[in-house]
């Protein structure tokens, strides 16, 4: 399967810089489209989905900051802002507007490339995390966190609302010990901390090969419970 080439939109009113960035980024394996203004960029965006935008802050017409604010209400495209305004307050303004990174002019092309790679890496990791089903495996059992659904060798395992809530809380933080008080508050289990022990015992009967020697839903003496999925 052929790897998809990432597409970058460069928006800057400096003709020479646009040309240099286009050449440099293409030499480093990216597909590049250039625009001289926010309006021109919007025209491209009507028909093309970009993986990243490199955006100048100071441009004729709509400036970069107001363009970012507009984009953030309609498009999630990652943005690297370029600007000659390198003061701390200027960087803060850019970050507050919604840019992912901020690079003052003049800059080293190599640094820009590294920042582009870092932003794209974060964007891909975030996208994969959103797309991945949230499932926890406990031996032959699978718990779907989004649907609060536990399935095993014989199909769906019925969980009470308290059991599902408890398993979700533990599965969201695998390997981390949660106190009985934490679980009582997070899962809204009535009856206090003792009721958590009761729910844990019931869950173990449903998912543990040997409930008396739990492998997955373990007790941490004096602290609480921890889920150790496969």
C-alpha atoms as a PDB file:
ATOM      1  CA  UNK A   1       0.000   0.000   0.000  1.00  0.00           C
ATOM      2  CA  UNK A   2       1.464   3.340  -1.070  1.00  0.00           C
ATOM      3  CA  UNK A   3       2.105   5.765   1.780  1.00  0.00           C
ATOM      4  CA  UNK A   4       0.043   8.936   1.562  1.00  0.00           C
ATOM      5  CA  UNK A   5       2.075  12.142   1.172  1.00  0.00           C
ATOM      6  CA  UNK A   6       1.198  14.790   3.740  1.00  0.00           C
ATOM      7  CA  UNK A   7      -0.114  18.021   2.254  1.00  0.00           C
ATOM      8  CA  UNK A   8       0.983  21.388   3.700  1.00  0.00           C
ATOM      9  CA  UNK A   9      -0.548  24.780   2.953  1.00  0.00           C
ATOM     10  CA  UNK A  10       1.898  27.715   3.233  1.00  0.00           C
ATOM     11  CA  UNK A  11       0.174  31.079   3.670  1.00  0.00           C
ATOM     12  CA  UNK A  12       2.500  34.114   3.452  1.00  0.00           C
ATOM     13  CA  UNK A  13       2.450  37.379   1.508  1.00  0.00           C
ATOM     14  CA  UNK A  14       6.241  37.217   0.943  1.00  0.00           C
ATOM     15  CA  UNK A  15       6.651  35.718  -2.541  1.00  0.00           C
ATOM     16  CA  UNK A  16      10.287  34.757  -2.009  1.00  0.00           C
ATOM     17  CA  UNK A  17       9.615  33.030   1.311  1.00  0.00           C
ATOM     18  CA  UNK A  18       6.645  31.130  -0.131  1.00  0.00           C
ATOM     19  CA  UNK A  19       8.840  29.868  -2.933  1.00  0.00           C
ATOM     20  CA  UNK A  20      11.693  28.865  -0.618  1.00  0.00           C
ATOM     21  CA  UNK A  21       9.389  27.043   1.787  1.00  0.00           C
ATOM     22  CA  UNK A  22       7.638  25.241  -1.027  1.00  0.00           C
ATOM     23  CA  UNK A  23      10.961  24.039  -2.478  1.00  0.00           C
ATOM     24  CA  UNK A  24      12.441  23.042   0.886  1.00  0.00           C
ATOM     25  CA  UNK A  25       9.370  21.168   2.124  1.00  0.00           C
ATOM     26  CA  UNK A  26       8.910  19.350  -1.169  1.00  0.00           C
ATOM     27  CA  UNK A  27      12.555  18.272  -1.060  1.00  0.00           C
ATOM     28  CA  UNK A  28      11.787  16.756   2.328  1.00  0.00           C
ATOM     29  CA  UNK A  29       8.898  14.665   1.102  1.00  0.00           C
ATOM     30  CA  UNK A  30       5.827  16.870   1.509  1.00  0.00           C
ATOM     31  CA  UNK A  31       3.215  17.984  -0.941  1.00  0.00           C
ATOM     32  CA  UNK A  32       2.948  21.785  -0.766  1.00  0.00           C
ATOM     33  CA  UNK A  33       0.384  24.377  -1.843  1.00  0.00           C
ATOM     34  CA  UNK A  34       1.093  28.093  -1.377  1.00  0.00           C
ATOM     35  CA  UNK A  35      -1.269  31.041  -0.869  1.00  0.00           C
ATOM     36  CA  UNK A  36      -0.487  34.750  -0.583  1.00  0.00           C
ATOM     37  CA  UNK A  37      -3.375  35.668   1.727  1.00  0.00           C
ATOM     38  CA  UNK A  38      -6.027  34.314   4.066  1.00  0.00           C
ATOM     39  CA  UNK A  39      -8.638  34.722   1.331  1.00  0.00           C
ATOM     40  CA  UNK A  40      -6.585  32.668  -1.118  1.00  0.00           C
ATOM     41  CA  UNK A  41      -6.073  30.022   1.579  1.00  0.00           C
ATOM     42  CA  UNK A  42      -9.838  29.795   2.125  1.00  0.00           C
ATOM     43  CA  UNK A  43     -10.353  29.156  -1.575  1.00  0.00           C
ATOM     44  CA  UNK A  44      -7.978  26.201  -1.465  1.00  0.00           C
ATOM     45  CA  UNK A  45      -9.595  24.857   1.703  1.00  0.00           C
ATOM     46  CA  UNK A  46     -12.970  24.664   0.017  1.00  0.00           C
ATOM     47  CA  UNK A  47     -11.697  21.767  -2.088  1.00  0.00           C
ATOM     48  CA  UNK A  48      -8.583  20.417  -0.308  1.00  0.00           C
ATOM     49  CA  UNK A  49      -8.082  18.940   3.153  1.00  0.00           C
ATOM     50  CA  UNK A  50      -4.616  19.893   4.381  1.00  0.00           C
ATOM     51  CA  UNK A  51      -2.563  18.046   7.009  1.00  0.00           C
ATOM     52  CA  UNK A  52      -0.855  21.219   8.247  1.00  0.00           C
ATOM     53  CA  UNK A  53      -0.872  24.965   7.674  1.00  0.00           C
ATOM     54  CA  UNK A  54       2.186  27.220   7.944  1.00  0.00           C
ATOM     55  CA  UNK A  55       0.752  30.681   8.436  1.00  0.00           C
ATOM     56  CA  UNK A  56       2.269  34.168   8.510  1.00  0.00           C
ATOM     57  CA  UNK A  57       0.888  36.456  11.186  1.00  0.00           C
ATOM     58  CA  UNK A  58       1.178  39.831   9.440  1.00  0.00           C
ATOM     59  CA  UNK A  59      -0.504  39.850   6.023  1.00  0.00           C
ATOM     60  CA  UNK A  60      -2.522  42.348   3.961  1.00  0.00           C
ATOM     61  CA  UNK A  61      -6.246  41.896   4.407  1.00  0.00           C
ATOM     62  CA  UNK A  62      -7.140  39.431   7.120  1.00  0.00           C
ATOM     63  CA  UNK A  63      -4.204  38.941   9.490  1.00  0.00           C
ATOM     64  CA  UNK A  64      -3.008  35.543  10.675  1.00  0.00           C
ATOM     65  CA  UNK A  65      -4.445  35.733  14.187  1.00  0.00           C
ATOM     66  CA  UNK A  66      -7.989  36.514  13.105  1.00  0.00           C
ATOM     67  CA  UNK A  67      -7.699  33.816  10.429  1.00  0.00           C
ATOM     68  CA  UNK A  68      -6.689  31.283  13.105  1.00  0.00           C
ATOM     69  CA  UNK A  69      -9.664  32.219  15.269  1.00  0.00           C
ATOM     70  CA  UNK A  70     -11.968  31.785  12.294  1.00  0.00           C
ATOM     71  CA  UNK A  71     -10.402  28.437  11.384  1.00  0.00           C
ATOM     72  CA  UNK A  72     -10.684  27.061  14.880  1.00  0.00           C
ATOM     73  CA  UNK A  73     -14.465  27.372  14.742  1.00  0.00           C
ATOM     74  CA  UNK A  74     -14.712  25.231  11.596  1.00  0.00           C
ATOM     75  CA  UNK A  75     -11.514  23.237  10.938  1.00  0.00           C
ATOM     76  CA  UNK A  76      -9.088  21.221  13.112  1.00  0.00           C
ATOM     77  CA  UNK A  77      -6.060  21.645  10.811  1.00  0.00           C
ATOM     78  CA  UNK A  78      -2.790  21.958  12.815  1.00  0.00           C
ATOM     79  CA  UNK A  79      -1.161  25.392  12.437  1.00  0.00           C
ATOM     80  CA  UNK A  80       2.454  26.551  12.699  1.00  0.00           C
ATOM     81  CA  UNK A  81       2.542  30.350  12.847  1.00  0.00           C
ATOM     82  CA  UNK A  82       5.475  32.339  11.468  1.00  0.00           C
ATOM     83  CA  UNK A  83       6.013  35.913  12.559  1.00  0.00           C
ATOM     84  CA  UNK A  84       8.568  38.658  13.022  1.00  0.00           C
ATOM     85  CA  UNK A  85       6.767  39.478  16.289  1.00  0.00           C
ATOM     86  CA  UNK A  86       8.735  37.336  18.693  1.00  0.00           C
ATOM     87  CA  UNK A  87       7.862  38.802  22.078  1.00  0.00           C
ATOM     88  CA  UNK A  88       6.460  36.499  24.749  1.00  0.00           C
ATOM     89  CA  UNK A  89       3.083  38.255  24.683  1.00  0.00           C
ATOM     90  CA  UNK A  90       2.905  37.749  20.913  1.00  0.00           C
ATOM     91  CA  UNK A  91       3.548  34.013  21.264  1.00  0.00           C
ATOM     92  CA  UNK A  92       0.937  33.808  23.997  1.00  0.00           C
ATOM     93  CA  UNK A  93      -1.588  35.616  21.773  1.00  0.00           C
ATOM     94  CA  UNK A  94      -0.919  33.117  19.019  1.00  0.00           C
ATOM     95  CA  UNK A  95      -1.263  30.106  21.293  1.00  0.00           C
ATOM     96  CA  UNK A  96      -4.450  31.485  22.821  1.00  0.00           C
ATOM     97  CA  UNK A  97      -5.879  31.968  19.331  1.00  0.00           C
ATOM     98  CA  UNK A  98      -5.342  28.253  18.677  1.00  0.00           C
ATOM     99  CA  UNK A  99      -2.021  27.763  16.885  1.00  0.00           C
ATOM    100  CA  UNK A 100      -0.134  24.538  17.611  1.00  0.00           C
ATOM    101  CA  UNK A 101       3.335  26.077  17.482  1.00  0.00           C
ATOM    102  CA  UNK A 102       4.976  29.463  16.970  1.00  0.00           C
ATOM    103  CA  UNK A 103       8.229  30.164  15.115  1.00  0.00           C
ATOM    104  CA  UNK A 104       9.744  33.686  15.048  1.00  0.00           C
ATOM    105  CA  UNK A 105      11.322  35.069  11.866  1.00  0.00           C
ATOM    106  CA  UNK A 106      14.078  34.770  10.827  1.00  0.00           C
ATOM    107  CA  UNK A 107      14.282  31.027  11.372  1.00  0.00           C
ATOM    108  CA  UNK A 108      16.466  28.113  10.404  1.00  0.00           C
ATOM    109  CA  UNK A 109      14.809  25.882   7.781  1.00  0.00           C
ATOM    110  CA  UNK A 110      15.924  22.806   9.702  1.00  0.00           C
ATOM    111  CA  UNK A 111      14.148  24.004  12.841  1.00  0.00           C
ATOM    112  CA  UNK A 112      10.983  24.652  10.860  1.00  0.00           C
ATOM    113  CA  UNK A 113      11.156  21.127   9.428  1.00  0.00           C
ATOM    114  CA  UNK A 114      11.576  19.613  12.885  1.00  0.00           C
ATOM    115  CA  UNK A 115       8.599  21.575  14.214  1.00  0.00           C
ATOM    116  CA  UNK A 116       6.492  20.481  11.236  1.00  0.00           C
ATOM    117  CA  UNK A 117       7.403  16.844  11.886  1.00  0.00           C
ATOM    118  CA  UNK A 118       6.598  17.195  15.589  1.00  0.00           C
ATOM    119  CA  UNK A 119       3.189  18.786  14.961  1.00  0.00           C
ATOM    120  CA  UNK A 120       2.228  16.153  12.393  1.00  0.00           C
ATOM    121  CA  UNK A 121       3.359  13.366  14.725  1.00  0.00           C
ATOM    122  CA  UNK A 122       1.150  14.731  17.518  1.00  0.00           C
ATOM    123  CA  UNK A 123      -1.776  15.131  15.123  1.00  0.00           C
ATOM    124  CA  UNK A 124      -1.483  11.532  13.919  1.00  0.00           C
ATOM    125  CA  UNK A 125      -1.195  10.188  17.465  1.00  0.00           C
ATOM    126  CA  UNK A 126      -4.301  12.122  18.499  1.00  0.00           C
ATOM    127  CA  UNK A 127      -6.232  10.917  15.458  1.00  0.00           C
ATOM    128  CA  UNK A 128      -5.283   7.286  16.079  1.00  0.00           C
ATOM    129  CA  UNK A 129      -6.301   7.565  19.718  1.00  0.00           C
ATOM    130  CA  UNK A 130      -9.710   8.951  18.729  1.00  0.00           C
ATOM    131  CA  UNK A 131     -10.266   6.264  16.114  1.00  0.00           C
ATOM    132  CA  UNK A 132      -9.099   3.330  18.219  1.00  0.00           C
ATOM    133  CA  UNK A 133     -11.897   1.472  19.999  1.00  0.00           C
ATOM    134  CA  UNK A 134     -11.578   1.772  23.764  1.00  0.00           C
ATOM    135  CA  UNK A 135     -11.424  -1.868  24.743  1.00  0.00           C
ATOM    136  CA  UNK A 136      -9.875  -3.620  27.721  1.00  0.00           C
ATOM    137  CA  UNK A 137      -8.999  -7.309  27.563  1.00  0.00           C
ATOM    138  CA  UNK A 138      -9.139  -9.547  30.612  1.00  0.00           C
ATOM    139  CA  UNK A 139      -8.153 -12.988  29.408  1.00  0.00           C
ATOM    140  CA  UNK A 140     -11.059 -14.319  27.349  1.00  0.00           C
ATOM    141  CA  UNK A 141     -13.205 -11.292  28.253  1.00  0.00           C
ATOM    142  CA  UNK A 142     -13.381  -7.932  26.466  1.00  0.00           C
ATOM    143  CA  UNK A 143     -14.814  -4.772  27.993  1.00  0.00           C
ATOM    144  CA  UNK A 144     -15.934  -2.029  25.587  1.00  0.00           C
ATOM    145  CA  UNK A 145     -15.658   1.222  27.554  1.00  0.00           C
ATOM    146  CA  UNK A 146     -17.748   3.254  25.133  1.00  0.00           C
ATOM    147  CA  UNK A 147     -20.707   0.889  25.373  1.00  0.00           C
ATOM    148  CA  UNK A 148     -20.066  -0.422  28.922  1.00  0.00           C
ATOM    149  CA  UNK A 149     -20.348  -3.875  27.373  1.00  0.00           C
ATOM    150  CA  UNK A 150     -18.553  -6.955  28.673  1.00  0.00           C
ATOM    151  CA  UNK A 151     -18.319  -9.974  26.398  1.00  0.00           C
ATOM    152  CA  UNK A 152     -16.799 -13.391  27.026  1.00  0.00           C
ATOM    153  CA  UNK A 153     -16.598 -16.867  25.492  1.00  0.00           C
ATOM    154  CA  UNK A 154     -20.353 -17.321  25.894  1.00  0.00           C
ATOM    155  CA  UNK A 155     -21.360 -13.868  24.612  1.00  0.00           C
ATOM    156  CA  UNK A 156     -22.505 -10.803  26.510  1.00  0.00           C
ATOM    157  CA  UNK A 157     -21.998 -10.832  30.270  1.00  0.00           C
ATOM    158  CA  UNK A 158     -24.702  -8.977  32.135  1.00  0.00           C
ATOM    159  CA  UNK A 159     -23.387  -6.174  34.358  1.00  0.00           C
ATOM    160  CA  UNK A 160     -25.348  -4.055  36.786  1.00  0.00           C
ATOM    161  CA  UNK A 161     -24.968  -0.314  36.376  1.00  0.00           C
ATOM    162  CA  UNK A 162     -22.702  -0.204  39.452  1.00  0.00           C
ATOM    163  CA  UNK A 163     -20.505  -3.015  38.131  1.00  0.00           C
ATOM    164  CA  UNK A 164     -20.208  -1.359  34.715  1.00  0.00           C
ATOM    165  CA  UNK A 165     -19.391   1.988  36.303  1.00  0.00           C
ATOM    166  CA  UNK A 166     -16.748   0.432  38.540  1.00  0.00           C
ATOM    167  CA  UNK A 167     -15.131  -1.521  35.703  1.00  0.00           C
ATOM    168  CA  UNK A 168     -15.068   1.606  33.532  1.00  0.00           C
ATOM    169  CA  UNK A 169     -13.364   3.676  36.238  1.00  0.00           C
ATOM    170  CA  UNK A 170     -10.672   1.037  36.708  1.00  0.00           C
ATOM    171  CA  UNK A 171     -10.229   0.362  32.963  1.00  0.00           C
ATOM    172  CA  UNK A 172      -9.703   4.062  32.249  1.00  0.00           C
ATOM    173  CA  UNK A 173      -6.674   3.997  34.557  1.00  0.00           C
ATOM    174  CA  UNK A 174      -5.095   0.547  34.097  1.00  0.00           C
ATOM    175  CA  UNK A 175      -2.256  -0.268  36.440  1.00  0.00           C
ATOM    176  CA  UNK A 176      -3.168   2.615  38.752  1.00  0.00           C
ATOM    177  CA  UNK A 177      -4.436   1.966  42.255  1.00  0.00           C
ATOM    178  CA  UNK A 178      -7.749   3.654  43.033  1.00  0.00           C
ATOM    179  CA  UNK A 179      -8.891   3.966  46.623  1.00  0.00           C
ATOM    180  CA  UNK A 180     -12.304   2.830  47.761  1.00  0.00           C
ATOM    181  CA  UNK A 181     -13.205   6.472  48.371  1.00  0.00           C
ATOM    182  CA  UNK A 182     -12.163   7.414  44.817  1.00  0.00           C
ATOM    183  CA  UNK A 183     -14.279   4.624  43.386  1.00  0.00           C
ATOM    184  CA  UNK A 184     -17.246   5.476  45.598  1.00  0.00           C
ATOM    185  CA  UNK A 185     -17.195   9.075  44.375  1.00  0.00           C
ATOM    186  CA  UNK A 186     -16.440   8.355  40.713  1.00  0.00           C
ATOM    187  CA  UNK A 187     -18.966   5.552  40.369  1.00  0.00           C
ATOM    188  CA  UNK A 188     -21.633   7.034  42.645  1.00  0.00           C
ATOM    189  CA  UNK A 189     -21.973   3.723  44.452  1.00  0.00           C
ATOM    190  CA  UNK A 190     -24.449   3.860  47.302  1.00  0.00           C
ATOM    191  CA  UNK A 191     -23.552   2.364  50.656  1.00  0.00           C
ATOM    192  CA  UNK A 192     -20.056   3.788  51.006  1.00  0.00           C
ATOM    193  CA  UNK A 193     -16.706   2.104  50.690  1.00  0.00           C
ATOM    194  CA  UNK A 194     -17.962  -1.296  51.858  1.00  0.00           C
ATOM    195  CA  UNK A 195     -20.253  -1.392  48.821  1.00  0.00           C
ATOM    196  CA  UNK A 196     -17.189  -1.063  46.574  1.00  0.00           C
ATOM    197  CA  UNK A 197     -15.828  -4.294  48.071  1.00  0.00           C
ATOM    198  CA  UNK A 198     -19.127  -6.012  47.312  1.00  0.00           C
ATOM    199  CA  UNK A 199     -19.118  -4.814  43.676  1.00  0.00           C
ATOM    200  CA  UNK A 200     -15.501  -5.900  43.217  1.00  0.00           C
ATOM    201  CA  UNK A 201     -16.347  -9.375  44.552  1.00  0.00           C
ATOM    202  CA  UNK A 202     -19.215  -9.650  42.069  1.00  0.00           C
ATOM    203  CA  UNK A 203     -17.061  -8.487  39.184  1.00  0.00           C
ATOM    204  CA  UNK A 204     -14.376 -11.019  40.030  1.00  0.00           C
ATOM    205  CA  UNK A 205     -16.929 -13.816  39.838  1.00  0.00           C
ATOM    206  CA  UNK A 206     -17.670 -12.717  36.273  1.00  0.00           C
ATOM    207  CA  UNK A 207     -14.169 -12.120  34.842  1.00  0.00           C
ATOM    208  CA  UNK A 208     -11.611 -13.973  36.971  1.00  0.00           C
ATOM    209  CA  UNK A 209     -10.602 -17.592  36.273  1.00  0.00           C
ATOM    210  CA  UNK A 210     -10.231 -17.965  40.046  1.00  0.00           C
ATOM    211  CA  UNK A 211     -12.054 -15.184  41.941  1.00  0.00           C
ATOM    212  CA  UNK A 212     -10.264 -16.118  45.177  1.00  0.00           C
ATOM    213  CA  UNK A 213      -6.887 -15.485  43.522  1.00  0.00           C
ATOM    214  CA  UNK A 214      -7.625 -12.557  41.229  1.00  0.00           C
ATOM    215  CA  UNK A 215      -5.352 -12.014  38.264  1.00  0.00           C
ATOM    216  CA  UNK A 216      -6.914  -8.889  36.772  1.00  0.00           C
ATOM    217  CA  UNK A 217      -8.869  -7.030  39.447  1.00  0.00           C
ATOM    218  CA  UNK A 218      -6.390  -7.003  42.301  1.00  0.00           C
ATOM    219  CA  UNK A 219      -6.480  -5.653  45.835  1.00  0.00           C
ATOM    220  CA  UNK A 220      -3.665  -3.357  46.928  1.00  0.00           C
ATOM    221  CA  UNK A 221      -3.645  -3.820  50.680  1.00  0.00           C
ATOM    222  CA  UNK A 222      -4.394  -0.654  52.601  1.00  0.00           C
ATOM    223  CA  UNK A 223      -4.844   1.387  49.397  1.00  0.00           C
ATOM    224  CA  UNK A 224      -7.628   0.096  47.177  1.00  0.00           C
ATOM    225  CA  UNK A 225      -7.962  -1.726  43.859  1.00  0.00           C
ATOM    226  CA  UNK A 226      -6.088  -1.878  40.566  1.00  0.00           C
ATOM    227  CA  UNK A 227      -7.032  -3.362  37.196  1.00  0.00           C
ATOM    228  CA  UNK A 228      -4.227  -5.141  35.372  1.00  0.00           C
ATOM    229  CA  UNK A 229      -5.559  -6.036  31.913  1.00  0.00           C
ATOM    230  CA  UNK A 230      -3.705  -8.125  29.336  1.00  0.00           C
END
